[in-house]
Amino acid sequence: MVRKYETIIIVQPDLGDEELKGFSAKVTDIIATMKGDLHRLEDWGVRKLAYPLKKSQRGRYYYVRFDADAALIAELERRLRLDDKVLRYQSVKLEKEPAAPAPKAVVAEEAPAAEAVPASE
């Protein structure tokens, strides 16, 4: 039975362009070979994590929206679990199509530390 799913994947933030393209191709290939229907694969960019994952303070987020059966979800999550580049992932079954567009990529930058101001005497 084909159902609607979305998966958020967090990968290491310091991957090069070739590694990111390879990762996107890998996810697309898994969905295509298991006869899923890929609707969206978006790179949301590097963001600061709420807490460190595998000693990393930041992560690159990917959003994947696809139609598939349970076997594809199991295979996708198995391969994500084995990939060292993946920090975390979560798949959710959707009841209806998400209405709001995905958030735009934002590069998380830390604000520069305030300069010390000498105390007036």
PDB file of N, CA and C in Angstrom:
ATOM      1  N   MET A   1       0.848  -1.178   0.000  1.00  0.00           N
ATOM      2  CA  MET A   1       0.000   0.000   0.000  1.00  0.00           C
ATOM      3  C   MET A   1       0.897   1.247   0.000  1.00  0.00           C
ATOM      4  N   VAL A   2       0.637   2.115  -0.946  1.00  0.00           N
ATOM      5  CA  VAL A   2       1.447   3.324  -1.090  1.00  0.00           C
ATOM      6  C   VAL A   2       0.896   4.410  -0.170  1.00  0.00           C
ATOM      7  N   ARG A   3       1.806   5.027   0.594  1.00  0.00           N
ATOM      8  CA  ARG A   3       1.423   6.102   1.511  1.00  0.00           C
ATOM      9  C   ARG A   3       2.357   7.280   1.310  1.00  0.00           C
ATOM     10  N   LYS A   4       1.964   8.432   1.846  1.00  0.00           N
ATOM     11  CA  LYS A   4       2.765   9.650   1.753  1.00  0.00           C
ATOM     12  C   LYS A   4       3.689   9.715   2.959  1.00  0.00           C
ATOM     13  N   TYR A   5       4.962  10.003   2.703  1.00  0.00           N
ATOM     14  CA  TYR A   5       5.942  10.119   3.778  1.00  0.00           C
ATOM     15  C   TYR A   5       6.789  11.360   3.574  1.00  0.00           C
ATOM     16  N   GLU A   6       7.332  11.853   4.662  1.00  0.00           N
ATOM     17  CA  GLU A   6       8.384  12.854   4.596  1.00  0.00           C
ATOM     18  C   GLU A   6       9.471  12.445   5.580  1.00  0.00           C
ATOM     19  N   THR A   7      10.701  12.721   5.197  1.00  0.00           N
ATOM     20  CA  THR A   7      11.844  12.371   6.021  1.00  0.00           C
ATOM     21  C   THR A   7      12.744  13.592   6.141  1.00  0.00           C
ATOM     22  N   ILE A   8      13.150  13.884   7.353  1.00  0.00           N
ATOM     23  CA  ILE A   8      14.138  14.927   7.611  1.00  0.00           C
ATOM     24  C   ILE A   8      15.438  14.208   7.956  1.00  0.00           C
ATOM     25  N   ILE A   9      16.494  14.592   7.269  1.00  0.00           N
ATOM     26  CA  ILE A   9      17.796  13.965   7.477  1.00  0.00           C
ATOM     27  C   ILE A   9      18.792  15.053   7.850  1.00  0.00           C
ATOM     28  N   ILE A  10      19.571  14.818   8.890  1.00  0.00           N
ATOM     29  CA  ILE A  10      20.632  15.742   9.282  1.00  0.00           C
ATOM     30  C   ILE A  10      21.955  15.041   9.013  1.00  0.00           C
ATOM     31  N   VAL A  11      22.789  15.682   8.182  1.00  0.00           N
ATOM     32  CA  VAL A  11      24.099  15.121   7.868  1.00  0.00           C
ATOM     33  C   VAL A  11      25.182  16.046   8.424  1.00  0.00           C
ATOM     34  N   GLN A  12      26.414  15.580   8.367  1.00  0.00           N
ATOM     35  CA  GLN A  12      27.531  16.378   8.860  1.00  0.00           C
ATOM     36  C   GLN A  12      27.618  17.685   8.071  1.00  0.00           C
ATOM     37  N   PRO A  13      27.882  18.813   8.746  1.00  0.00           N
ATOM     38  CA  PRO A  13      27.852  20.111   8.060  1.00  0.00           C
ATOM     39  C   PRO A  13      29.066  20.389   7.189  1.00  0.00           C
ATOM     40  N   ASP A  14      30.140  19.674   7.366  1.00  0.00           N
ATOM     41  CA  ASP A  14      31.383  19.994   6.666  1.00  0.00           C
ATOM     42  C   ASP A  14      31.622  19.125   5.434  1.00  0.00           C
ATOM     43  N   LEU A  15      30.584  18.570   4.853  1.00  0.00           N
ATOM     44  CA  LEU A  15      30.749  17.754   3.657  1.00  0.00           C
ATOM     45  C   LEU A  15      30.971  18.650   2.442  1.00  0.00           C
ATOM     46  N   GLY A  16      31.768  18.178   1.496  1.00  0.00           N
ATOM     47  CA  GLY A  16      32.025  18.930   0.275  1.00  0.00           C
ATOM     48  C   GLY A  16      30.877  18.806  -0.707  1.00  0.00           C
ATOM     49  N   ASP A  17      30.957  19.585  -1.777  1.00  0.00           N
ATOM     50  CA  ASP A  17      29.891  19.576  -2.783  1.00  0.00           C
ATOM     51  C   ASP A  17      29.703  18.197  -3.402  1.00  0.00           C
ATOM     52  N   GLU A  18      30.806  17.503  -3.691  1.00  0.00           N
ATOM     53  CA  GLU A  18      30.718  16.173  -4.304  1.00  0.00           C
ATOM     54  C   GLU A  18      30.050  15.175  -3.359  1.00  0.00           C
ATOM     55  N   GLU A  19      30.380  15.257  -2.080  1.00  0.00           N
ATOM     56  CA  GLU A  19      29.764  14.355  -1.100  1.00  0.00           C
ATOM     57  C   GLU A  19      28.277  14.642  -0.940  1.00  0.00           C
ATOM     58  N   LEU A  20      27.906  15.938  -0.990  1.00  0.00           N
ATOM     59  CA  LEU A  20      26.489  16.298  -0.864  1.00  0.00           C
ATOM     60  C   LEU A  20      25.702  15.829  -2.085  1.00  0.00           C
ATOM     61  N   LYS A  21      26.308  15.993  -3.279  1.00  0.00           N
ATOM     62  CA  LYS A  21      25.640  15.511  -4.490  1.00  0.00           C
ATOM     63  C   LYS A  21      25.506  13.985  -4.451  1.00  0.00           C
ATOM     64  N   GLY A  22      26.556  13.323  -3.975  1.00  0.00           N
ATOM     65  CA  GLY A  22      26.502  11.873  -3.855  1.00  0.00           C
ATOM     66  C   GLY A  22      25.442  11.419  -2.866  1.00  0.00           C
ATOM     67  N   PHE A  23      25.300  12.154  -1.767  1.00  0.00           N
ATOM     68  CA  PHE A  23      24.283  11.808  -0.777  1.00  0.00           C
ATOM     69  C   PHE A  23      22.883  11.989  -1.357  1.00  0.00           C
ATOM     70  N   SER A  24      22.654  13.117  -2.048  1.00  0.00           N
ATOM     71  CA  SER A  24      21.352  13.356  -2.675  1.00  0.00           C
ATOM     72  C   SER A  24      21.045  12.279  -3.712  1.00  0.00           C
ATOM     73  N   ALA A  25      22.052  11.911  -4.493  1.00  0.00           N
ATOM     74  CA  ALA A  25      21.860  10.871  -5.507  1.00  0.00           C
ATOM     75  C   ALA A  25      21.551   9.523  -4.861  1.00  0.00           C
ATOM     76  N   LYS A  26      22.180   9.266  -3.721  1.00  0.00           N
ATOM     77  CA  LYS A  26      21.949   8.003  -3.013  1.00  0.00           C
ATOM     78  C   LYS A  26      20.496   7.903  -2.535  1.00  0.00           C
ATOM     79  N   VAL A  27      19.995   8.977  -1.939  1.00  0.00           N
ATOM     80  CA  VAL A  27      18.606   8.978  -1.457  1.00  0.00           C
ATOM     81  C   VAL A  27      17.640   8.844  -2.633  1.00  0.00           C
ATOM     82  N   THR A  28      17.902   9.586  -3.701  1.00  0.00           N
ATOM     83  CA  THR A  28      17.053   9.512  -4.886  1.00  0.00           C
ATOM     84  C   THR A  28      17.073   8.108  -5.481  1.00  0.00           C
ATOM     85  N   ASP A  29      18.248   7.501  -5.523  1.00  0.00           N
ATOM     86  CA  ASP A  29      18.391   6.150  -6.081  1.00  0.00           C
ATOM     87  C   ASP A  29      17.636   5.107  -5.253  1.00  0.00           C
ATOM     88  N   ILE A  30      17.699   5.223  -3.937  1.00  0.00           N
ATOM     89  CA  ILE A  30      16.989   4.273  -3.070  1.00  0.00           C
ATOM     90  C   ILE A  30      15.490   4.340  -3.349  1.00  0.00           C
ATOM     91  N   ILE A  31      14.962   5.566  -3.450  1.00  0.00           N
ATOM     92  CA  ILE A  31      13.526   5.729  -3.683  1.00  0.00           C
ATOM     93  C   ILE A  31      13.140   5.222  -5.069  1.00  0.00           C
ATOM     94  N   ALA A  32      13.990   5.491  -6.063  1.00  0.00           N
ATOM     95  CA  ALA A  32      13.678   5.060  -7.433  1.00  0.00           C
ATOM     96  C   ALA A  32      13.743   3.545  -7.574  1.00  0.00           C
ATOM     97  N   THR A  33      14.760   2.913  -6.985  1.00  0.00           N
ATOM     98  CA  THR A  33      14.901   1.463  -7.146  1.00  0.00           C
ATOM     99  C   THR A  33      13.824   0.690  -6.396  1.00  0.00           C
ATOM    100  N   MET A  34      13.292   1.280  -5.332  1.00  0.00           N
ATOM    101  CA  MET A  34      12.233   0.603  -4.568  1.00  0.00           C
ATOM    102  C   MET A  34      10.846   1.026  -5.063  1.00  0.00           C
ATOM    103  N   LYS A  35      10.800   1.675  -6.238  1.00  0.00           N
ATOM    104  CA  LYS A  35       9.555   2.059  -6.902  1.00  0.00           C
ATOM    105  C   LYS A  35       8.719   3.047  -6.085  1.00  0.00           C
ATOM    106  N   GLY A  36       9.418   3.982  -5.434  1.00  0.00           N
ATOM    107  CA  GLY A  36       8.742   5.069  -4.753  1.00  0.00           C
ATOM    108  C   GLY A  36       8.583   6.235  -5.705  1.00  0.00           C
ATOM    109  N   ASP A  37       7.808   7.214  -5.295  1.00  0.00           N
ATOM    110  CA  ASP A  37       7.571   8.391  -6.113  1.00  0.00           C
ATOM    111  C   ASP A  37       8.099   9.606  -5.356  1.00  0.00           C
ATOM    112  N   LEU A  38       9.250  10.131  -5.789  1.00  0.00           N
ATOM    113  CA  LEU A  38       9.890  11.265  -5.123  1.00  0.00           C
ATOM    114  C   LEU A  38       9.203  12.549  -5.559  1.00  0.00           C
ATOM    115  N   HIS A  39       8.749  13.361  -4.588  1.00  0.00           N
ATOM    116  CA  HIS A  39       8.118  14.637  -4.887  1.00  0.00           C
ATOM    117  C   HIS A  39       9.060  15.800  -4.642  1.00  0.00           C
ATOM    118  N   ARG A  40       9.792  15.778  -3.538  1.00  0.00           N
ATOM    119  CA  ARG A  40      10.709  16.874  -3.221  1.00  0.00           C
ATOM    120  C   ARG A  40      11.942  16.341  -2.515  1.00  0.00           C
ATOM    121  N   LEU A  41      13.071  16.913  -2.845  1.00  0.00           N
ATOM    122  CA  LEU A  41      14.322  16.694  -2.116  1.00  0.00           C
ATOM    123  C   LEU A  41      14.965  18.057  -1.994  1.00  0.00           C
ATOM    124  N   GLU A  42      14.921  18.632  -0.792  1.00  0.00           N
ATOM    125  CA  GLU A  42      15.388  19.999  -0.589  1.00  0.00           C
ATOM    126  C   GLU A  42      16.535  20.025   0.403  1.00  0.00           C
ATOM    127  N   ASP A  43      17.492  20.878   0.105  1.00  0.00           N
ATOM    128  CA  ASP A  43      18.608  21.120   1.017  1.00  0.00           C
ATOM    129  C   ASP A  43      18.263  22.377   1.810  1.00  0.00           C
ATOM    130  N   TRP A  44      18.042  22.217   3.093  1.00  0.00           N
ATOM    131  CA  TRP A  44      17.669  23.358   3.923  1.00  0.00           C
ATOM    132  C   TRP A  44      18.882  24.076   4.479  1.00  0.00           C
ATOM    133  N   GLY A  45      20.061  23.597   4.208  1.00  0.00           N
ATOM    134  CA  GLY A  45      21.271  24.292   4.623  1.00  0.00           C
ATOM    135  C   GLY A  45      21.766  23.868   5.991  1.00  0.00           C
ATOM    136  N   VAL A  46      22.800  24.563   6.429  1.00  0.00           N
ATOM    137  CA  VAL A  46      23.438  24.261   7.713  1.00  0.00           C
ATOM    138  C   VAL A  46      22.752  25.071   8.800  1.00  0.00           C
ATOM    139  N   ARG A  47      22.412  24.397   9.867  1.00  0.00           N
ATOM    140  CA  ARG A  47      21.744  25.044  11.002  1.00  0.00           C
ATOM    141  C   ARG A  47      22.381  24.582  12.306  1.00  0.00           C
ATOM    142  N   LYS A  48      22.231  25.417  13.307  1.00  0.00           N
ATOM    143  CA  LYS A  48      22.732  25.066  14.625  1.00  0.00           C
ATOM    144  C   LYS A  48      21.785  24.053  15.250  1.00  0.00           C
ATOM    145  N   LEU A  49      22.341  23.021  15.843  1.00  0.00           N
ATOM    146  CA  LEU A  49      21.538  21.977  16.470  1.00  0.00           C
ATOM    147  C   LEU A  49      21.164  22.383  17.893  1.00  0.00           C
ATOM    148  N   ALA A  50      20.059  21.864  18.377  1.00  0.00           N
ATOM    149  CA  ALA A  50      19.620  22.171  19.741  1.00  0.00           C
ATOM    150  C   ALA A  50      20.574  21.566  20.767  1.00  0.00           C
ATOM    151  N   TYR A  51      21.185  20.439  20.395  1.00  0.00           N
ATOM    152  CA  TYR A  51      22.167  19.792  21.265  1.00  0.00           C
ATOM    153  C   TYR A  51      23.137  19.041  20.358  1.00  0.00           C
ATOM    154  N   PRO A  52      24.355  18.816  20.837  1.00  0.00           N
ATOM    155  CA  PRO A  52      25.359  18.167  19.977  1.00  0.00           C
ATOM    156  C   PRO A  52      24.965  16.739  19.595  1.00  0.00           C
ATOM    157  N   LEU A  53      25.220  16.408  18.310  1.00  0.00           N
ATOM    158  CA  LEU A  53      25.012  15.048  17.804  1.00  0.00           C
ATOM    159  C   LEU A  53      26.352  14.552  17.296  1.00  0.00           C
ATOM    160  N   LYS A  54      26.857  13.492  17.845  1.00  0.00           N
ATOM    161  CA  LYS A  54      28.158  12.935  17.461  1.00  0.00           C
ATOM    162  C   LYS A  54      29.233  14.023  17.471  1.00  0.00           C
ATOM    163  N   LYS A  55      29.236  14.822  18.529  1.00  0.00           N
ATOM    164  CA  LYS A  55      30.201  15.901  18.765  1.00  0.00           C
ATOM    165  C   LYS A  55      30.111  17.026  17.740  1.00  0.00           C
ATOM    166  N   SER A  56      28.997  17.176  17.083  1.00  0.00           N
ATOM    167  CA  SER A  56      28.813  18.237  16.104  1.00  0.00           C
ATOM    168  C   SER A  56      27.757  19.213  16.616  1.00  0.00           C
ATOM    169  N   GLN A  57      28.072  20.514  16.577  1.00  0.00           N
ATOM    170  CA  GLN A  57      27.137  21.557  17.020  1.00  0.00           C
ATOM    171  C   GLN A  57      26.194  21.990  15.897  1.00  0.00           C
ATOM    172  N   ARG A  58      26.555  21.683  14.636  1.00  0.00           N
ATOM    173  CA  ARG A  58      25.767  22.085  13.474  1.00  0.00           C
ATOM    174  C   ARG A  58      25.475  20.868  12.605  1.00  0.00           C
ATOM    175  N   GLY A  59      24.475  21.017  11.767  1.00  0.00           N
ATOM    176  CA  GLY A  59      24.134  19.944  10.846  1.00  0.00           C
ATOM    177  C   GLY A  59      23.482  20.492   9.596  1.00  0.00           C
ATOM    178  N   ARG A  60      23.640  19.781   8.492  1.00  0.00           N
ATOM    179  CA  ARG A  60      22.984  20.157   7.239  1.00  0.00           C
ATOM    180  C   ARG A  60      21.702  19.362   7.136  1.00  0.00           C
ATOM    181  N   TYR A  61      20.585  20.081   6.946  1.00  0.00           N
ATOM    182  CA  TYR A  61      19.259  19.465   6.920  1.00  0.00           C
ATOM    183  C   TYR A  61      18.822  19.179   5.488  1.00  0.00           C
ATOM    184  N   TYR A  62      18.226  18.019   5.300  1.00  0.00           N
ATOM    185  CA  TYR A  62      17.594  17.646   4.031  1.00  0.00           C
ATOM    186  C   TYR A  62      16.145  17.276   4.313  1.00  0.00           C
ATOM    187  N   TYR A  63      15.269  17.702   3.402  1.00  0.00           N
ATOM    188  CA  TYR A  63      13.849  17.362   3.474  1.00  0.00           C
ATOM    189  C   TYR A  63      13.515  16.512   2.262  1.00  0.00           C
ATOM    190  N   VAL A  64      12.903  15.348   2.495  1.00  0.00           N
ATOM    191  CA  VAL A  64      12.528  14.445   1.407  1.00  0.00           C
ATOM    192  C   VAL A  64      11.050  14.137   1.549  1.00  0.00           C
ATOM    193  N   ARG A  65      10.282  14.397   0.492  1.00  0.00           N
ATOM    194  CA  ARG A  65       8.841  14.086   0.477  1.00  0.00           C
ATOM    195  C   ARG A  65       8.614  13.081  -0.643  1.00  0.00           C
ATOM    196  N   PHE A  66       8.016  11.931  -0.324  1.00  0.00           N
ATOM    197  CA  PHE A  66       7.841  10.873  -1.316  1.00  0.00           C
ATOM    198  C   PHE A  66       6.642  10.001  -0.968  1.00  0.00           C
ATOM    199  N   ASP A  67       6.178   9.255  -1.970  1.00  0.00           N
ATOM    200  CA  ASP A  67       5.134   8.254  -1.784  1.00  0.00           C
ATOM    201  C   ASP A  67       5.803   6.897  -1.872  1.00  0.00           C
ATOM    202  N   ALA A  68       5.459   5.992  -0.951  1.00  0.00           N
ATOM    203  CA  ALA A  68       6.132   4.694  -0.930  1.00  0.00           C
ATOM    204  C   ALA A  68       5.347   3.699  -0.093  1.00  0.00           C
ATOM    205  N   ASP A  69       5.852   2.476  -0.078  1.00  0.00           N
ATOM    206  CA  ASP A  69       5.266   1.469   0.806  1.00  0.00           C
ATOM    207  C   ASP A  69       6.212   1.262   1.998  1.00  0.00           C
ATOM    208  N   ALA A  70       5.812   0.408   2.923  1.00  0.00           N
ATOM    209  CA  ALA A  70       6.585   0.214   4.159  1.00  0.00           C
ATOM    210  C   ALA A  70       7.969  -0.384   3.901  1.00  0.00           C
ATOM    211  N   ALA A  71       8.113  -1.184   2.862  1.00  0.00           N
ATOM    212  CA  ALA A  71       9.409  -1.787   2.556  1.00  0.00           C
ATOM    213  C   ALA A  71      10.442  -0.727   2.188  1.00  0.00           C
ATOM    214  N   LEU A  72      10.013   0.302   1.472  1.00  0.00           N
ATOM    215  CA  LEU A  72      10.943   1.376   1.103  1.00  0.00           C
ATOM    216  C   LEU A  72      11.397   2.150   2.327  1.00  0.00           C
ATOM    217  N   ILE A  73      10.491   2.436   3.240  1.00  0.00           N
ATOM    218  CA  ILE A  73      10.865   3.146   4.471  1.00  0.00           C
ATOM    219  C   ILE A  73      11.892   2.334   5.251  1.00  0.00           C
ATOM    220  N   ALA A  74      11.668   1.046   5.368  1.00  0.00           N
ATOM    221  CA  ALA A  74      12.607   0.193   6.107  1.00  0.00           C
ATOM    222  C   ALA A  74      13.979   0.189   5.444  1.00  0.00           C
ATOM    223  N   GLU A  75      14.022   0.096   4.124  1.00  0.00           N
ATOM    224  CA  GLU A  75      15.300   0.080   3.413  1.00  0.00           C
ATOM    225  C   GLU A  75      15.995   1.441   3.490  1.00  0.00           C
ATOM    226  N   LEU A  76      15.240   2.538   3.322  1.00  0.00           N
ATOM    227  CA  LEU A  76      15.827   3.882   3.410  1.00  0.00           C
ATOM    228  C   LEU A  76      16.425   4.107   4.790  1.00  0.00           C
ATOM    229  N   GLU A  77      15.695   3.766   5.841  1.00  0.00           N
ATOM    230  CA  GLU A  77      16.205   3.981   7.194  1.00  0.00           C
ATOM    231  C   GLU A  77      17.371   3.050   7.509  1.00  0.00           C
ATOM    232  N   ARG A  78      17.368   1.844   6.961  1.00  0.00           N
ATOM    233  CA  ARG A  78      18.498   0.936   7.174  1.00  0.00           C
ATOM    234  C   ARG A  78      19.772   1.526   6.576  1.00  0.00           C
ATOM    235  N   ARG A  79      19.664   2.059   5.362  1.00  0.00           N
ATOM    236  CA  ARG A  79      20.850   2.633   4.713  1.00  0.00           C
ATOM    237  C   ARG A  79      21.291   3.934   5.387  1.00  0.00           C
ATOM    238  N   LEU A  80      20.340   4.733   5.864  1.00  0.00           N
ATOM    239  CA  LEU A  80      20.715   5.957   6.578  1.00  0.00           C
ATOM    240  C   LEU A  80      21.419   5.621   7.890  1.00  0.00           C
ATOM    241  N   ARG A  81      20.971   4.566   8.540  1.00  0.00           N
ATOM    242  CA  ARG A  81      21.568   4.145   9.811  1.00  0.00           C
ATOM    243  C   ARG A  81      23.016   3.699   9.606  1.00  0.00           C
ATOM    244  N   LEU A  82      23.331   3.119   8.457  1.00  0.00           N
ATOM    245  CA  LEU A  82      24.678   2.620   8.189  1.00  0.00           C
ATOM    246  C   LEU A  82      25.622   3.707   7.675  1.00  0.00           C
ATOM    247  N   ASP A  83      25.099   4.848   7.249  1.00  0.00           N
ATOM    248  CA  ASP A  83      25.909   5.910   6.662  1.00  0.00           C
ATOM    249  C   ASP A  83      26.533   6.757   7.781  1.00  0.00           C
ATOM    250  N   ASP A  84      27.861   6.882   7.750  1.00  0.00           N
ATOM    251  CA  ASP A  84      28.558   7.658   8.775  1.00  0.00           C
ATOM    252  C   ASP A  84      28.315   9.157   8.651  1.00  0.00           C
ATOM    253  N   LYS A  85      27.900   9.621   7.476  1.00  0.00           N
ATOM    254  CA  LYS A  85      27.658  11.050   7.262  1.00  0.00           C
ATOM    255  C   LYS A  85      26.366  11.505   7.918  1.00  0.00           C
ATOM    256  N   VAL A  86      25.454  10.583   8.171  1.00  0.00           N
ATOM    257  CA  VAL A  86      24.132  10.922   8.711  1.00  0.00           C
ATOM    258  C   VAL A  86      24.220  11.022  10.232  1.00  0.00           C
ATOM    259  N   LEU A  87      23.814  12.190  10.751  1.00  0.00           N
ATOM    260  CA  LEU A  87      23.787  12.391  12.195  1.00  0.00           C
ATOM    261  C   LEU A  87      22.464  11.922  12.793  1.00  0.00           C
ATOM    262  N   ARG A  88      21.353  12.213  12.088  1.00  0.00           N
ATOM    263  CA  ARG A  88      20.030  11.844  12.598  1.00  0.00           C
ATOM    264  C   ARG A  88      19.027  11.875  11.452  1.00  0.00           C
ATOM    265  N   TYR A  89      17.942  11.118  11.566  1.00  0.00           N
ATOM    266  CA  TYR A  89      16.879  11.144  10.568  1.00  0.00           C
ATOM    267  C   TYR A  89      15.565  10.806  11.253  1.00  0.00           C
ATOM    268  N   GLN A  90      14.485  11.203  10.612  1.00  0.00           N
ATOM    269  CA  GLN A  90      13.164  10.832  11.116  1.00  0.00           C
ATOM    270  C   GLN A  90      12.182  10.830   9.955  1.00  0.00           C
ATOM    271  N   SER A  91      11.429   9.748   9.837  1.00  0.00           N
ATOM    272  CA  SER A  91      10.408   9.620   8.805  1.00  0.00           C
ATOM    273  C   SER A  91       9.039   9.693   9.456  1.00  0.00           C
ATOM    274  N   VAL A  92       8.120  10.379   8.773  1.00  0.00           N
ATOM    275  CA  VAL A  92       6.766  10.563   9.287  1.00  0.00           C
ATOM    276  C   VAL A  92       5.780  10.243   8.181  1.00  0.00           C
ATOM    277  N   LYS A  93       4.746   9.478   8.513  1.00  0.00           N
ATOM    278  CA  LYS A  93       3.664   9.211   7.557  1.00  0.00           C
ATOM    279  C   LYS A  93       2.706  10.392   7.576  1.00  0.00           C
ATOM    280  N   LEU A  94       2.355  10.898   6.387  1.00  0.00           N
ATOM    281  CA  LEU A  94       1.490  12.067   6.283  1.00  0.00           C
ATOM    282  C   LEU A  94       0.057  11.629   6.032  1.00  0.00           C
ATOM    283  N   GLU A  95      -0.875  12.339   6.637  1.00  0.00           N
ATOM    284  CA  GLU A  95      -2.292  12.094   6.388  1.00  0.00           C
ATOM    285  C   GLU A  95      -2.760  12.861   5.156  1.00  0.00           C
ATOM    286  N   LYS A  96      -2.174  14.057   4.967  1.00  0.00           N
ATOM    287  CA  LYS A  96      -2.503  14.861   3.798  1.00  0.00           C
ATOM    288  C   LYS A  96      -1.244  15.613   3.376  1.00  0.00           C
ATOM    289  N   GLU A  97      -1.305  16.196   2.194  1.00  0.00           N
ATOM    290  CA  GLU A  97      -0.158  16.918   1.651  1.00  0.00           C
ATOM    291  C   GLU A  97       0.143  18.144   2.515  1.00  0.00           C
ATOM    292  N   PRO A  98       1.424  18.386   2.854  1.00  0.00           N
ATOM    293  CA  PRO A  98       1.745  19.572   3.645  1.00  0.00           C
ATOM    294  C   PRO A  98       1.416  20.837   2.849  1.00  0.00           C
ATOM    295  N   ALA A  99       0.731  21.786   3.505  1.00  0.00           N
ATOM    296  CA  ALA A  99       0.293  22.995   2.822  1.00  0.00           C
ATOM    297  C   ALA A  99       1.365  24.066   2.788  1.00  0.00           C
ATOM    298  N   ALA A 100       2.094  24.209   3.866  1.00  0.00           N
ATOM    299  CA  ALA A 100       3.094  25.277   3.949  1.00  0.00           C
ATOM    300  C   ALA A 100       4.361  24.866   3.214  1.00  0.00           C
ATOM    301  N   PRO A 101       4.963  25.812   2.489  1.00  0.00           N
ATOM    302  CA  PRO A 101       6.239  25.479   1.839  1.00  0.00           C
ATOM    303  C   PRO A 101       7.322  25.255   2.881  1.00  0.00           C
ATOM    304  N   ALA A 102       8.319  24.532   2.465  1.00  0.00           N
ATOM    305  CA  ALA A 102       9.431  24.244   3.362  1.00  0.00           C
ATOM    306  C   ALA A 102      10.186  25.531   3.672  1.00  0.00           C
ATOM    307  N   PRO A 103      10.756  25.632   4.870  1.00  0.00           N
ATOM    308  CA  PRO A 103      11.520  26.838   5.197  1.00  0.00           C
ATOM    309  C   PRO A 103      12.750  26.963   4.311  1.00  0.00           C
ATOM    310  N   LYS A 104      13.112  28.210   4.048  1.00  0.00           N
ATOM    311  CA  LYS A 104      14.284  28.457   3.222  1.00  0.00           C
ATOM    312  C   LYS A 104      15.542  28.149   4.004  1.00  0.00           C
ATOM    313  N   ALA A 105      16.586  27.834   3.239  1.00  0.00           N
ATOM    314  CA  ALA A 105      17.867  27.509   3.871  1.00  0.00           C
ATOM    315  C   ALA A 105      18.426  28.736   4.557  1.00  0.00           C
ATOM    316  N   VAL A 106      18.810  28.560   5.773  1.00  0.00           N
ATOM    317  CA  VAL A 106      19.415  29.630   6.556  1.00  0.00           C
ATOM    318  C   VAL A 106      20.719  29.103   7.096  1.00  0.00           C
ATOM    319  N   VAL A 107      21.747  29.842   6.844  1.00  0.00           N
ATOM    320  CA  VAL A 107      23.039  29.462   7.394  1.00  0.00           C
ATOM    321  C   VAL A 107      23.119  30.029   8.795  1.00  0.00           C
ATOM    322  N   ALA A 108      23.234  29.124   9.733  1.00  0.00           N
ATOM    323  CA  ALA A 108      23.295  29.534  11.123  1.00  0.00           C
ATOM    324  C   ALA A 108      24.646  30.159  11.407  1.00  0.00           C
ATOM    325  N   GLU A 109      24.619  31.380  11.757  1.00  0.00           N
ATOM    326  CA  GLU A 109      25.846  32.095  12.113  1.00  0.00           C
ATOM    327  C   GLU A 109      25.701  32.565  13.545  1.00  0.00           C
ATOM    328  N   GLU A 110      26.756  32.454  14.249  1.00  0.00           N
ATOM    329  CA  GLU A 110      26.736  32.949  15.610  1.00  0.00           C
ATOM    330  C   GLU A 110      27.061  34.429  15.591  1.00  0.00           C
ATOM    331  N   ALA A 111      26.386  35.155  16.435  1.00  0.00           N
ATOM    332  CA  ALA A 111      26.652  36.582  16.530  1.00  0.00           C
ATOM    333  C   ALA A 111      28.041  36.782  17.117  1.00  0.00           C
ATOM    334  N   PRO A 112      28.767  37.798  16.614  1.00  0.00           N
ATOM    335  CA  PRO A 112      30.096  38.033  17.180  1.00  0.00           C
ATOM    336  C   PRO A 112      29.976  38.433  18.643  1.00  0.00           C
ATOM    337  N   ALA A 113      30.936  38.016  19.385  1.00  0.00           N
ATOM    338  CA  ALA A 113      30.927  38.319  20.811  1.00  0.00           C
ATOM    339  C   ALA A 113      31.036  39.822  21.005  1.00  0.00           C
ATOM    340  N   ALA A 114      30.300  40.307  21.956  1.00  0.00           N
ATOM    341  CA  ALA A 114      30.336  41.736  22.248  1.00  0.00           C
ATOM    342  C   ALA A 114      31.724  42.118  22.735  1.00  0.00           C
ATOM    343  N   GLU A 115      32.156  43.257  22.237  1.00  0.00           N
ATOM    344  CA  GLU A 115      33.484  43.715  22.652  1.00  0.00           C
ATOM    345  C   GLU A 115      33.415  44.230  24.081  1.00  0.00           C
ATOM    346  N   ALA A 116      34.474  43.982  24.778  1.00  0.00           N
ATOM    347  CA  ALA A 116      34.526  44.418  26.164  1.00  0.00           C
ATOM    348  C   ALA A 116      34.619  45.933  26.214  1.00  0.00           C
ATOM    349  N   VAL A 117      33.775  46.505  26.990  1.00  0.00           N
ATOM    350  CA  VAL A 117      33.779  47.955  27.151  1.00  0.00           C
ATOM    351  C   VAL A 117      34.406  48.258  28.505  1.00  0.00           C
ATOM    352  N   PRO A 118      35.459  49.088  28.486  1.00  0.00           N
ATOM    353  CA  PRO A 118      36.079  49.378  29.776  1.00  0.00           C
ATOM    354  C   PRO A 118      35.119  50.155  30.669  1.00  0.00           C
ATOM    355  N   ALA A 119      35.138  49.820  31.911  1.00  0.00           N
ATOM    356  CA  ALA A 119      34.276  50.500  32.874  1.00  0.00           C
ATOM    357  C   ALA A 119      34.767  51.918  33.083  1.00  0.00           C
ATOM    358  N   SER A 120      33.809  52.845  33.103  1.00  0.00           N
ATOM    359  CA  SER A 120      34.199  54.247  33.312  1.00  0.00           C
ATOM    360  C   SER A 120      34.538  54.460  34.773  1.00  0.00           C
ATOM    361  N   GLU A 121      35.465  55.307  34.946  1.00  0.00           N
ATOM    362  CA  GLU A 121      35.908  55.567  36.315  1.00  0.00           C
ATOM    363  C   GLU A 121      35.399  56.886  36.815  1.00  0.00           C
TER     364      GLU A 121
END
